Amino acid sequence: MELTAHATQRCSQRGIRIQQIDWLIAYGRHVWNRGARVYFFDRAHFRQMLFSLTASERQLAEKTRNSYVVVKGDQVITAGHRQPVFCANKPGSHHHRRIDWRHGASRVA
């Protein structure tokens, strides 16, 4: 998977490694948001990933638990660390579509 310049910069700023991005894409669940896939871990997918890792990899994996990655086509657009509720639309719009990471559902707030 190719990283855009923006994604490379954000990963560097936020301390997210390429291996963590690979894990999110391989094991995480995703939701569609504005034409892109947003990958993240819920409890079941995170547990599934942990079973496939070595003991030394698990320490890095714990840092990945609350991360997300945005993918459009075959490019990683950005990556970051999740907040409990993530606003999916631009801040100035009247209706904010929020992704509730705890339940994996979208809702209009």
N, C-alpha and C. Protein backbone atom coordinates (compact mmCIF):
# COMPACT_ATOMS: atom_id res chain seq x y z
N MET A 1 0.85 -1.17 0.00
CA MET A 1 0.00 0.00 0.00
C MET A 1 0.90 1.24 0.00
N GLU A 2 0.58 2.17 -0.83
CA GLU A 2 1.38 3.39 -0.99
C GLU A 2 0.88 4.48 -0.03
N LEU A 3 1.80 5.21 0.58
CA LEU A 3 1.45 6.32 1.47
C LEU A 3 1.60 7.63 0.72
N THR A 4 0.62 8.52 0.87
CA THR A 4 0.74 9.85 0.30
C THR A 4 1.74 10.65 1.14
N ALA A 5 2.15 11.80 0.63
CA ALA A 5 3.06 12.67 1.38
C ALA A 5 2.41 13.10 2.69
N HIS A 6 1.11 13.37 2.64
CA HIS A 6 0.38 13.77 3.85
C HIS A 6 0.40 12.64 4.88
N ALA A 7 0.15 11.41 4.43
CA ALA A 7 0.14 10.27 5.35
C ALA A 7 1.52 10.04 5.96
N THR A 8 2.57 10.19 5.16
CA THR A 8 3.93 10.03 5.67
C THR A 8 4.22 11.06 6.75
N GLN A 9 3.81 12.29 6.51
CA GLN A 9 4.02 13.36 7.49
C GLN A 9 3.24 13.09 8.77
N ARG A 10 1.97 12.71 8.64
CA ARG A 10 1.14 12.46 9.82
C ARG A 10 1.65 11.26 10.62
N CYS A 11 2.07 10.22 9.94
CA CYS A 11 2.61 9.05 10.64
C CYS A 11 3.86 9.42 11.42
N SER A 12 4.69 10.24 10.83
CA SER A 12 5.90 10.70 11.50
C SER A 12 5.56 11.54 12.72
N GLN A 13 4.60 12.45 12.58
CA GLN A 13 4.20 13.32 13.69
C GLN A 13 3.54 12.55 14.82
N ARG A 14 2.79 11.51 14.47
CA ARG A 14 1.99 10.80 15.45
C ARG A 14 2.63 9.50 15.93
N GLY A 15 3.80 9.19 15.43
CA GLY A 15 4.52 7.99 15.89
C GLY A 15 3.87 6.69 15.46
N ILE A 16 3.31 6.66 14.26
CA ILE A 16 2.66 5.47 13.73
C ILE A 16 3.59 4.83 12.70
N ARG A 17 3.90 3.56 12.89
CA ARG A 17 4.82 2.85 12.00
C ARG A 17 4.07 2.17 10.87
N ILE A 18 4.82 1.86 9.81
CA ILE A 18 4.25 1.17 8.65
C ILE A 18 3.65 -0.17 9.06
N GLN A 19 4.31 -0.88 9.96
CA GLN A 19 3.81 -2.17 10.42
C GLN A 19 2.44 -2.03 11.07
N GLN A 20 2.23 -0.95 11.81
CA GLN A 20 0.94 -0.71 12.43
C GLN A 20 -0.14 -0.47 11.38
N ILE A 21 0.20 0.25 10.33
CA ILE A 21 -0.75 0.48 9.23
C ILE A 21 -1.10 -0.84 8.56
N ASP A 22 -0.09 -1.68 8.34
CA ASP A 22 -0.34 -2.99 7.73
C ASP A 22 -1.28 -3.82 8.59
N TRP A 23 -1.10 -3.80 9.90
CA TRP A 23 -1.98 -4.55 10.80
C TRP A 23 -3.41 -4.01 10.75
N LEU A 24 -3.57 -2.69 10.73
CA LEU A 24 -4.91 -2.12 10.66
C LEU A 24 -5.64 -2.55 9.40
N ILE A 25 -4.93 -2.55 8.28
CA ILE A 25 -5.55 -2.92 7.01
C ILE A 25 -5.82 -4.42 6.96
N ALA A 26 -4.90 -5.22 7.47
CA ALA A 26 -5.05 -6.67 7.40
C ALA A 26 -6.08 -7.21 8.40
N TYR A 27 -6.11 -6.69 9.62
CA TYR A 27 -6.94 -7.26 10.67
C TYR A 27 -8.09 -6.37 11.12
N GLY A 28 -8.02 -5.08 10.86
CA GLY A 28 -9.03 -4.15 11.37
C GLY A 28 -10.34 -4.24 10.61
N ARG A 29 -11.37 -3.69 11.20
CA ARG A 29 -12.63 -3.58 10.45
C ARG A 29 -12.65 -2.21 9.82
N HIS A 30 -13.52 -2.02 8.84
CA HIS A 30 -13.57 -0.72 8.19
C HIS A 30 -15.00 -0.26 7.99
N VAL A 31 -15.13 1.05 7.91
CA VAL A 31 -16.39 1.69 7.54
C VAL A 31 -16.08 2.62 6.37
N TRP A 32 -17.08 2.86 5.55
CA TRP A 32 -16.92 3.78 4.42
C TRP A 32 -17.25 5.18 4.91
N ASN A 33 -16.43 6.14 4.54
CA ASN A 33 -16.66 7.52 4.94
C ASN A 33 -16.19 8.43 3.81
N ARG A 34 -17.13 9.11 3.18
CA ARG A 34 -16.83 10.08 2.12
C ARG A 34 -15.94 9.48 1.02
N GLY A 35 -16.26 8.26 0.60
CA GLY A 35 -15.55 7.62 -0.50
C GLY A 35 -14.25 6.95 -0.13
N ALA A 36 -13.93 6.89 1.14
CA ALA A 36 -12.70 6.25 1.60
C ALA A 36 -13.04 5.23 2.68
N ARG A 37 -12.15 4.26 2.86
CA ARG A 37 -12.32 3.28 3.92
C ARG A 37 -11.52 3.74 5.15
N VAL A 38 -12.17 3.72 6.30
CA VAL A 38 -11.51 4.06 7.56
C VAL A 38 -11.35 2.75 8.33
N TYR A 39 -10.10 2.32 8.52
CA TYR A 39 -9.81 1.08 9.23
C TYR A 39 -9.50 1.39 10.69
N PHE A 40 -10.01 0.54 11.58
CA PHE A 40 -9.77 0.67 13.02
C PHE A 40 -10.00 -0.69 13.64
N PHE A 41 -9.65 -0.82 14.90
CA PHE A 41 -9.85 -2.08 15.62
C PHE A 41 -11.04 -1.98 16.55
N ASP A 42 -11.92 -2.96 16.48
CA ASP A 42 -12.87 -3.17 17.55
C ASP A 42 -12.29 -4.30 18.41
N ARG A 43 -12.95 -4.64 19.46
CA ARG A 43 -12.39 -5.61 20.40
C ARG A 43 -12.12 -6.97 19.75
N ALA A 44 -13.06 -7.48 18.97
CA ALA A 44 -12.91 -8.81 18.37
C ALA A 44 -11.77 -8.85 17.35
N HIS A 45 -11.69 -7.84 16.50
CA HIS A 45 -10.64 -7.82 15.48
C HIS A 45 -9.26 -7.63 16.11
N PHE A 46 -9.19 -6.84 17.17
CA PHE A 46 -7.91 -6.64 17.85
C PHE A 46 -7.44 -7.95 18.49
N ARG A 47 -8.36 -8.65 19.13
CA ARG A 47 -8.01 -9.92 19.76
C ARG A 47 -7.54 -10.93 18.71
N GLN A 48 -8.22 -10.97 17.56
CA GLN A 48 -7.82 -11.87 16.48
C GLN A 48 -6.39 -11.57 16.03
N MET A 49 -6.05 -10.30 15.92
CA MET A 49 -4.70 -9.93 15.51
C MET A 49 -3.67 -10.37 16.56
N LEU A 50 -3.97 -10.18 17.83
CA LEU A 50 -3.02 -10.52 18.89
C LEU A 50 -2.64 -12.00 18.86
N PHE A 51 -3.58 -12.87 18.52
CA PHE A 51 -3.29 -14.30 18.46
C PHE A 51 -2.28 -14.64 17.38
N SER A 52 -2.18 -13.81 16.35
CA SER A 52 -1.28 -14.11 15.24
C SER A 52 0.11 -13.49 15.42
N LEU A 53 0.32 -12.72 16.48
CA LEU A 53 1.59 -12.00 16.67
C LEU A 53 2.50 -12.71 17.66
N THR A 54 3.78 -12.41 17.54
CA THR A 54 4.74 -12.91 18.52
C THR A 54 4.69 -12.03 19.76
N ALA A 55 5.33 -12.49 20.82
CA ALA A 55 5.33 -11.73 22.07
C ALA A 55 5.98 -10.36 21.91
N SER A 56 7.03 -10.28 21.11
CA SER A 56 7.71 -9.00 20.92
C SER A 56 6.87 -8.01 20.11
N GLU A 57 6.02 -8.52 19.23
CA GLU A 57 5.18 -7.65 18.41
C GLU A 57 3.97 -7.11 19.19
N ARG A 58 3.59 -7.80 20.23
CA ARG A 58 2.39 -7.41 20.98
C ARG A 58 2.52 -6.05 21.66
N GLN A 59 3.72 -5.70 22.07
CA GLN A 59 3.93 -4.40 22.71
C GLN A 59 3.61 -3.27 21.73
N LEU A 60 4.08 -3.39 20.48
CA LEU A 60 3.76 -2.40 19.46
C LEU A 60 2.28 -2.46 19.11
N ALA A 61 1.71 -3.66 19.12
CA ALA A 61 0.29 -3.82 18.79
C ALA A 61 -0.60 -3.09 19.78
N GLU A 62 -0.22 -3.06 21.04
CA GLU A 62 -1.02 -2.35 22.05
C GLU A 62 -1.12 -0.87 21.73
N LYS A 63 -0.09 -0.31 21.13
CA LYS A 63 -0.12 1.10 20.73
C LYS A 63 -1.03 1.32 19.52
N THR A 64 -1.34 0.25 18.81
CA THR A 64 -2.17 0.33 17.61
C THR A 64 -3.65 0.24 17.94
N ARG A 65 -3.99 -0.19 19.14
CA ARG A 65 -5.38 -0.44 19.51
C ARG A 65 -6.28 0.76 19.23
N ASN A 66 -5.84 1.97 19.50
CA ASN A 66 -6.67 3.16 19.32
C ASN A 66 -6.22 4.01 18.14
N SER A 67 -5.78 3.36 17.08
CA SER A 67 -5.34 4.08 15.88
C SER A 67 -6.34 3.84 14.76
N TYR A 68 -6.25 4.67 13.74
CA TYR A 68 -7.06 4.48 12.54
C TYR A 68 -6.23 4.85 11.33
N VAL A 69 -6.65 4.37 10.18
CA VAL A 69 -6.00 4.71 8.92
C VAL A 69 -7.09 4.91 7.87
N VAL A 70 -6.92 5.94 7.04
CA VAL A 70 -7.88 6.26 5.98
C VAL A 70 -7.25 5.88 4.66
N VAL A 71 -7.96 5.03 3.89
CA VAL A 71 -7.45 4.51 2.62
C VAL A 71 -8.44 4.82 1.51
N LYS A 72 -7.92 5.36 0.42
CA LYS A 72 -8.75 5.61 -0.76
C LYS A 72 -8.03 4.99 -1.95
N GLY A 73 -8.69 4.05 -2.61
CA GLY A 73 -8.04 3.31 -3.69
C GLY A 73 -6.94 2.44 -3.10
N ASP A 74 -5.73 2.62 -3.59
CA ASP A 74 -4.59 1.87 -3.04
C ASP A 74 -3.62 2.79 -2.31
N GLN A 75 -4.11 3.96 -1.88
CA GLN A 75 -3.26 4.92 -1.18
C GLN A 75 -3.75 5.17 0.24
N VAL A 76 -2.81 5.22 1.17
CA VAL A 76 -3.12 5.62 2.54
C VAL A 76 -3.14 7.14 2.56
N ILE A 77 -4.28 7.72 2.92
CA ILE A 77 -4.45 9.16 2.93
C ILE A 77 -3.91 9.77 4.22
N THR A 78 -4.28 9.19 5.36
CA THR A 78 -3.81 9.69 6.65
C THR A 78 -3.95 8.59 7.69
N ALA A 79 -3.36 8.82 8.83
CA ALA A 79 -3.47 7.90 9.97
C ALA A 79 -3.42 8.74 11.24
N GLY A 80 -4.02 8.21 12.28
CA GLY A 80 -4.04 8.95 13.53
C GLY A 80 -4.50 8.10 14.69
N HIS A 81 -4.71 8.75 15.82
CA HIS A 81 -5.18 8.10 17.03
C HIS A 81 -6.62 8.51 17.27
N ARG A 82 -7.47 7.53 17.59
CA ARG A 82 -8.90 7.77 17.71
C ARG A 82 -9.28 8.49 18.99
N GLN A 83 -10.33 9.26 18.88
CA GLN A 83 -11.03 9.84 20.01
C GLN A 83 -12.31 9.03 20.17
N PRO A 84 -13.02 9.11 21.31
CA PRO A 84 -14.23 8.31 21.47
C PRO A 84 -15.26 8.51 20.37
N VAL A 85 -15.48 9.73 19.91
CA VAL A 85 -16.40 10.00 18.81
C VAL A 85 -15.65 10.83 17.79
N PHE A 86 -15.66 10.39 16.54
CA PHE A 86 -14.88 11.01 15.47
C PHE A 86 -15.85 11.68 14.52
N CYS A 87 -15.71 12.99 14.30
CA CYS A 87 -16.58 13.74 13.40
C CYS A 87 -16.14 13.48 11.97
N ALA A 88 -17.04 12.97 11.16
CA ALA A 88 -16.70 12.55 9.81
C ALA A 88 -16.85 13.65 8.77
N ASN A 89 -17.58 14.71 9.07
CA ASN A 89 -17.78 15.80 8.12
C ASN A 89 -16.95 17.01 8.49
N LYS A 90 -16.92 17.97 7.60
CA LYS A 90 -16.19 19.21 7.88
C LYS A 90 -16.88 19.95 9.03
N PRO A 91 -16.12 20.66 9.85
CA PRO A 91 -16.68 21.31 11.03
C PRO A 91 -17.79 22.32 10.75
N GLY A 92 -17.81 22.96 9.60
CA GLY A 92 -18.80 24.00 9.33
C GLY A 92 -20.15 23.50 8.84
N SER A 93 -20.29 22.22 8.57
CA SER A 93 -21.55 21.73 8.01
C SER A 93 -22.63 21.66 9.09
N HIS A 94 -23.89 21.66 8.66
CA HIS A 94 -25.01 21.68 9.59
C HIS A 94 -25.22 20.34 10.26
N HIS A 95 -25.04 19.27 9.53
CA HIS A 95 -25.23 17.93 10.09
C HIS A 95 -23.88 17.24 10.12
N HIS A 96 -23.49 16.85 11.28
CA HIS A 96 -22.23 16.13 11.42
C HIS A 96 -22.53 14.65 11.49
N ARG A 97 -21.96 13.90 10.58
CA ARG A 97 -22.07 12.46 10.62
C ARG A 97 -20.92 11.97 11.49
N ARG A 98 -21.24 11.35 12.58
CA ARG A 98 -20.21 10.91 13.51
C ARG A 98 -20.06 9.40 13.45
N ILE A 99 -18.84 8.96 13.56
CA ILE A 99 -18.58 7.54 13.65
C ILE A 99 -18.33 7.24 15.11
N ASP A 100 -19.20 6.45 15.70
CA ASP A 100 -19.04 6.08 17.09
C ASP A 100 -18.16 4.84 17.13
N TRP A 101 -16.90 5.03 17.45
CA TRP A 101 -15.91 3.94 17.39
C TRP A 101 -16.25 2.81 18.34
N ARG A 102 -16.94 3.13 19.43
CA ARG A 102 -17.23 2.10 20.42
C ARG A 102 -18.22 1.08 19.87
N HIS A 103 -19.10 1.52 18.98
CA HIS A 103 -20.13 0.63 18.46
C HIS A 103 -19.99 0.37 16.96
N GLY A 104 -19.08 1.07 16.30
CA GLY A 104 -18.84 0.86 14.88
C GLY A 104 -19.98 1.31 13.98
N ALA A 105 -20.78 2.24 14.44
CA ALA A 105 -21.94 2.67 13.67
C ALA A 105 -21.84 4.16 13.37
N SER A 106 -22.48 4.56 12.29
CA SER A 106 -22.55 5.97 11.95
C SER A 106 -23.88 6.52 12.42
N ARG A 107 -23.89 7.77 12.78
CA ARG A 107 -25.14 8.41 13.18
C ARG A 107 -25.06 9.88 12.85
N VAL A 108 -26.21 10.53 12.69
CA VAL A 108 -26.27 11.96 12.43
C VAL A 108 -26.51 12.65 13.75
N ALA A 109 -25.65 13.62 14.08
CA ALA A 109 -25.79 14.33 15.35
C ALA A 109 -26.27 15.74 15.10
